[in-house]
Amino acid sequence: MAVSFKGSISFGLIYIPISLYVATKADHISFNMLHNECHTRIRYKKVCEFCDEEVKSSDIVKGYHYEDGKYVIFSNDDFEKIKTPKDKSIDIIQFVDIKEIDPVFYEKTYYVVPNGGEKAFELLKKALKDTKKVGIAKVVLGTKETLVALRVAHDKMLVNTLYFANEIKNVETSYMNVELNQQEVDLAKQLIMQLSKPFEPEKFHNEYQEKLKKAIEQKIQGEEITVPQEKEDQSIINLMDALQESLKKTHQPRA
């Protein structure tokens, strides 16, 4: 597995050299874009407007547009030069309760692996686990300063990149003046409790992707796509009836 970041964790006077590894991966079926007439692959080319020719990735540099038609060029070395040792370190600023961080702030997850200082690493991991605290820090990943949360889950040290507050969108919603019937509220709570159980992620899988794989195989064999249709029960229109019927169905074994 490729290393995403090499640096350190520091809190107080404790320094732990670490590496970060991406903890998640995409698992989906991808499709290529084809020309509708001949079904030939559509490809994107990087073309220079001035030279009117395709440019290799190795010949591309980053430039900041500061004036009409003028750019200041930055190389990878330039980006590294402006990083201080502090920028390359996950320097913990404070600790917070994990429940204080709204899930909307979480972006990407990395596994933390020590490159030395194993005793200090295990000490921090144990202290975080026992106190149920999360370390909040800032670090420069690539060319961007990132807010991160250092936490422990399943006996592993994890780093979650977080969005800054100004990156969270606020959607305006109109105030809904709705009066709720207490009996309906009680039934809704009862339904939630009946459907409550421990979260076991291994029990969930991508059902749509399974159907998509089957449809692809049918297409390859020249067959028509056949998928069993599920009937929707639209007979219940009253909220109270819908709640009561839902409660009955939660007692029945699922197919």
Protein backbone atom coordinates (compact mmCIF):
# COMPACT_ATOMS: atom_id res chain seq x y z
CA MET A 1 0.00 0.00 0.00
CA ALA A 2 1.39 3.39 -1.02
CA VAL A 3 2.25 5.92 1.67
CA SER A 4 0.08 9.05 1.43
CA PHE A 5 2.04 11.16 3.93
CA LYS A 6 5.22 10.92 5.96
CA GLY A 7 5.65 13.20 8.94
CA SER A 8 5.06 13.12 12.66
CA ILE A 9 2.54 13.52 15.45
CA SER A 10 3.45 15.90 18.23
CA PHE A 11 1.66 16.90 21.42
CA GLY A 12 3.39 18.66 24.25
CA LEU A 13 7.05 17.62 24.01
CA ILE A 14 6.25 14.16 22.61
CA TYR A 15 7.24 13.51 18.98
CA ILE A 16 6.18 10.38 17.02
CA PRO A 17 7.33 9.79 13.40
CA ILE A 18 4.42 8.32 11.40
CA SER A 19 3.11 7.44 7.95
CA LEU A 20 -0.49 7.79 6.74
CA TYR A 21 -2.20 5.22 4.53
CA VAL A 22 -5.59 5.74 2.85
CA ALA A 23 -8.17 3.67 4.77
CA THR A 24 -10.93 3.47 2.14
CA LYS A 25 -11.32 2.55 -1.52
CA ALA A 26 -14.00 3.00 -4.15
CA ASP A 27 -15.86 -0.18 -5.14
CA HIS A 28 -18.09 0.50 -8.10
CA ILE A 29 -18.53 -0.48 -11.72
CA SER A 30 -17.18 2.17 -14.07
CA PHE A 31 -18.34 2.86 -17.60
CA ASN A 32 -16.38 4.39 -20.49
CA MET A 33 -17.84 7.16 -22.64
CA LEU A 34 -18.31 6.10 -26.28
CA HIS A 35 -19.26 7.89 -29.48
CA ASN A 36 -22.95 7.09 -30.05
CA GLU A 37 -22.46 6.51 -33.79
CA CYS A 38 -19.47 4.13 -33.86
CA HIS A 39 -19.12 3.12 -30.18
CA THR A 40 -15.46 4.18 -30.14
CA ARG A 41 -13.88 5.32 -26.86
CA ILE A 42 -13.96 9.06 -26.15
CA ARG A 43 -10.68 10.30 -24.66
CA TYR A 44 -9.68 13.65 -23.19
CA LYS A 45 -6.50 15.31 -24.43
CA LYS A 46 -4.51 18.04 -22.70
CA VAL A 47 -3.91 20.64 -25.41
CA CYS A 48 -1.88 23.86 -25.29
CA GLU A 49 -3.99 26.73 -26.66
CA PHE A 50 -0.90 28.60 -27.91
CA CYS A 51 1.05 25.71 -29.49
CA ASP A 52 -2.13 23.89 -30.59
CA GLU A 53 -0.65 20.51 -29.69
CA GLU A 54 -1.18 17.78 -27.10
CA VAL A 55 0.98 18.13 -23.98
CA LYS A 56 2.38 15.28 -21.87
CA SER A 57 1.71 15.29 -18.14
CA SER A 58 5.47 15.55 -17.51
CA ASP A 59 5.52 18.87 -19.41
CA ILE A 60 2.77 20.47 -17.33
CA VAL A 61 3.54 22.91 -14.49
CA LYS A 62 1.30 24.78 -12.05
CA GLY A 63 0.78 28.50 -12.54
CA TYR A 64 -1.06 31.17 -10.56
CA HIS A 65 -2.96 33.67 -12.74
CA TYR A 66 -2.18 37.09 -11.27
CA GLU A 67 -2.75 39.37 -14.28
CA ASP A 68 -4.36 39.11 -17.70
CA GLY A 69 -2.29 36.55 -19.63
CA LYS A 70 0.40 36.39 -16.92
CA TYR A 71 1.19 33.52 -14.59
CA VAL A 72 3.74 32.89 -11.87
CA ILE A 73 5.05 29.32 -12.05
CA PHE A 74 5.35 27.02 -9.04
CA SER A 75 7.27 23.73 -9.06
CA ASN A 76 6.98 20.93 -6.48
CA ASP A 77 10.24 22.18 -4.95
CA ASP A 78 8.72 25.64 -4.52
CA PHE A 79 5.81 24.19 -2.56
CA GLU A 80 8.20 22.21 -0.35
CA LYS A 81 10.41 25.26 0.31
CA ILE A 82 7.60 27.20 2.00
CA LYS A 83 6.72 24.30 4.34
CA THR A 84 8.17 24.63 7.82
CA PRO A 85 8.81 21.57 10.04
CA LYS A 86 5.56 22.45 11.81
CA ASP A 87 3.64 22.19 8.51
CA LYS A 88 4.92 18.63 8.09
CA SER A 89 3.85 17.65 11.59
CA ILE A 90 0.40 16.73 12.90
CA ASP A 91 0.71 19.12 15.81
CA ILE A 92 -2.20 18.49 18.19
CA ILE A 93 -3.74 21.81 19.24
CA GLN A 94 -6.43 20.51 21.60
CA PHE A 95 -8.52 17.48 22.53
CA VAL A 96 -12.32 17.26 22.26
CA ASP A 97 -15.07 14.72 22.88
CA ILE A 98 -15.75 12.79 19.69
CA LYS A 99 -19.48 13.53 19.96
CA GLU A 100 -18.70 17.24 19.58
CA ILE A 101 -17.65 16.73 15.94
CA ASP A 102 -20.64 16.69 13.61
CA PRO A 103 -20.20 13.95 10.93
CA VAL A 104 -20.67 16.61 8.21
CA PHE A 105 -17.10 17.77 8.97
CA TYR A 106 -15.49 14.38 8.20
CA GLU A 107 -13.85 14.09 4.77
CA LYS A 108 -11.23 11.31 4.33
CA THR A 109 -9.80 8.62 6.60
CA TYR A 110 -6.19 7.44 6.95
CA TYR A 111 -4.56 4.72 9.02
CA VAL A 112 -1.67 5.96 11.18
CA VAL A 113 1.43 3.73 11.33
CA PRO A 114 4.42 4.63 13.53
CA ASN A 115 7.93 4.76 12.04
CA GLY A 116 9.65 4.62 15.41
CA GLY A 117 8.62 5.84 18.85
CA GLU A 118 6.30 2.86 19.20
CA LYS A 119 5.99 3.26 22.99
CA ALA A 120 4.91 6.90 22.67
CA PHE A 121 2.50 5.88 19.89
CA GLU A 122 0.87 3.17 22.02
CA LEU A 123 0.75 5.56 24.97
CA LEU A 124 -1.15 8.15 22.93
CA LYS A 125 -3.47 5.51 21.50
CA LYS A 126 -4.27 4.11 24.95
CA ALA A 127 -4.84 7.59 26.42
CA LEU A 128 -7.18 8.59 23.58
CA LYS A 129 -9.12 5.35 23.90
CA ASP A 130 -9.53 5.60 27.68
CA THR A 131 -10.52 9.27 27.70
CA LYS A 132 -12.73 8.92 24.58
CA LYS A 133 -11.07 12.07 23.27
CA VAL A 134 -10.07 13.15 19.75
CA GLY A 135 -6.98 15.21 18.97
CA ILE A 136 -7.56 18.25 16.74
CA ALA A 137 -4.58 19.34 14.65
CA LYS A 138 -3.55 21.09 11.44
CA VAL A 139 -1.10 19.77 8.85
CA VAL A 140 -0.17 20.56 5.24
CA LEU A 141 -1.11 17.66 2.97
CA GLY A 142 0.15 18.25 -0.55
CA THR A 143 -0.35 21.97 -1.15
CA LYS A 144 -3.24 22.50 1.24
CA GLU A 145 -3.39 23.09 4.97
CA THR A 146 -5.88 20.65 6.41
CA LEU A 147 -7.74 20.37 9.69
CA VAL A 148 -7.57 16.81 11.03
CA ALA A 149 -8.98 14.70 13.85
CA LEU A 150 -6.77 12.04 15.42
CA ARG A 151 -8.86 9.25 16.95
CA VAL A 152 -8.85 5.58 17.92
CA ALA A 153 -11.32 3.04 16.51
CA HIS A 154 -11.16 -0.78 16.58
CA ASP A 155 -7.78 -0.52 18.33
CA LYS A 156 -6.30 1.39 15.38
CA MET A 157 -5.09 4.99 15.23
CA LEU A 158 -6.92 6.96 12.55
CA VAL A 159 -6.62 10.43 11.08
CA ASN A 160 -9.72 12.03 9.60
CA THR A 161 -9.32 15.10 7.44
CA LEU A 162 -11.99 17.66 8.35
CA TYR A 163 -13.64 20.47 6.44
CA PHE A 164 -13.09 23.96 7.80
CA ALA A 165 -16.25 25.71 9.03
CA ASN A 166 -16.30 28.06 6.01
CA GLU A 167 -16.37 25.00 3.68
CA ILE A 168 -19.67 23.74 5.10
CA LYS A 169 -22.63 24.97 3.06
CA ASN A 170 -25.71 26.34 4.74
CA VAL A 171 -29.01 25.51 3.05
CA GLU A 172 -31.85 27.87 3.91
CA THR A 173 -35.09 26.04 4.65
CA SER A 174 -38.46 27.61 5.25
CA TYR A 175 -39.92 27.21 8.73
CA MET A 176 -42.59 24.50 8.75
CA ASN A 177 -45.33 25.11 11.27
CA VAL A 178 -46.58 21.56 11.68
CA GLU A 179 -48.48 20.32 14.69
CA LEU A 180 -47.56 16.77 15.64
CA ASN A 181 -49.99 14.32 17.20
CA GLN A 182 -48.43 12.83 20.34
CA GLN A 183 -49.80 9.37 19.50
CA GLU A 184 -48.04 9.54 16.11
CA VAL A 185 -44.82 10.63 17.80
CA ASP A 186 -45.02 7.71 20.25
CA LEU A 187 -45.64 5.25 17.40
CA ALA A 188 -42.68 6.68 15.45
CA LYS A 189 -40.44 6.25 18.52
CA GLN A 190 -41.71 2.71 18.97
CA LEU A 191 -40.94 1.92 15.31
CA ILE A 192 -37.41 3.34 15.69
CA MET A 193 -36.79 1.22 18.79
CA GLN A 194 -38.09 -1.94 17.11
CA LEU A 195 -35.75 -1.36 14.15
CA SER A 196 -32.78 -0.53 16.37
CA LYS A 197 -29.88 -3.01 16.51
CA PRO A 198 -26.06 -2.88 16.63
CA PHE A 199 -24.38 -1.52 13.50
CA GLU A 200 -22.64 -4.41 11.69
CA PRO A 201 -21.22 -2.97 8.42
CA GLU A 202 -20.31 -6.41 7.02
CA LYS A 203 -24.02 -7.21 6.75
CA PHE A 204 -24.55 -4.45 4.17
CA HIS A 205 -23.55 -4.78 0.54
CA ASN A 206 -24.16 -2.95 -2.72
CA GLU A 207 -27.34 -4.62 -4.02
CA TYR A 208 -27.66 -2.28 -6.99
CA GLN A 209 -24.13 -3.19 -8.12
CA GLU A 210 -25.08 -6.90 -8.03
CA LYS A 211 -28.06 -6.18 -10.28
CA LEU A 212 -25.83 -4.08 -12.54
CA LYS A 213 -23.31 -6.95 -12.89
CA LYS A 214 -26.15 -9.30 -13.84
CA ALA A 215 -27.47 -6.78 -16.40
CA ILE A 216 -23.97 -6.43 -17.93
CA GLU A 217 -23.71 -10.22 -18.27
CA GLN A 218 -27.14 -10.35 -19.93
CA LYS A 219 -26.08 -7.62 -22.37
CA ILE A 220 -22.84 -9.50 -23.19
CA GLN A 221 -24.88 -12.64 -23.94
CA GLY A 222 -27.22 -10.60 -26.17
CA GLU A 223 -30.15 -11.07 -23.82
CA GLU A 224 -32.74 -8.56 -22.69
CA ILE A 225 -32.24 -7.15 -19.20
CA THR A 226 -34.64 -8.83 -16.79
CA VAL A 227 -34.93 -7.63 -13.22
CA PRO A 228 -37.73 -8.75 -10.86
CA GLN A 229 -40.03 -5.83 -10.21
CA GLU A 230 -40.96 -5.04 -6.64
CA LYS A 231 -44.49 -3.87 -6.02
CA GLU A 232 -44.99 -0.74 -3.97
CA ASP A 233 -47.82 -0.72 -1.48
CA GLN A 234 -49.61 2.57 -2.11
CA SER A 235 -52.83 1.65 -0.35
CA ILE A 236 -51.92 3.37 2.93
CA ILE A 237 -52.24 7.15 2.76
CA ASN A 238 -52.95 8.00 6.40
CA LEU A 239 -49.84 8.65 8.55
CA MET A 240 -51.26 6.91 11.60
CA ASP A 241 -52.22 3.85 9.52
CA ALA A 242 -48.76 3.83 7.94
CA LEU A 243 -47.09 3.85 11.37
CA GLN A 244 -49.30 1.09 12.73
CA GLU A 245 -48.81 -1.08 9.64
CA SER A 246 -45.04 -0.51 9.79
CA LEU A 247 -44.98 -1.66 13.41
CA LYS A 248 -46.83 -4.86 12.44
CA LYS A 249 -44.35 -5.60 9.64
CA THR A 250 -41.32 -5.18 11.91
CA HIS A 251 -42.56 -8.19 13.91
CA GLN A 252 -42.67 -10.34 10.76
CA PRO A 253 -39.52 -12.11 9.48
CA ARG A 254 -38.01 -10.30 6.51
CA ALA A 255 -37.66 -12.03 3.16
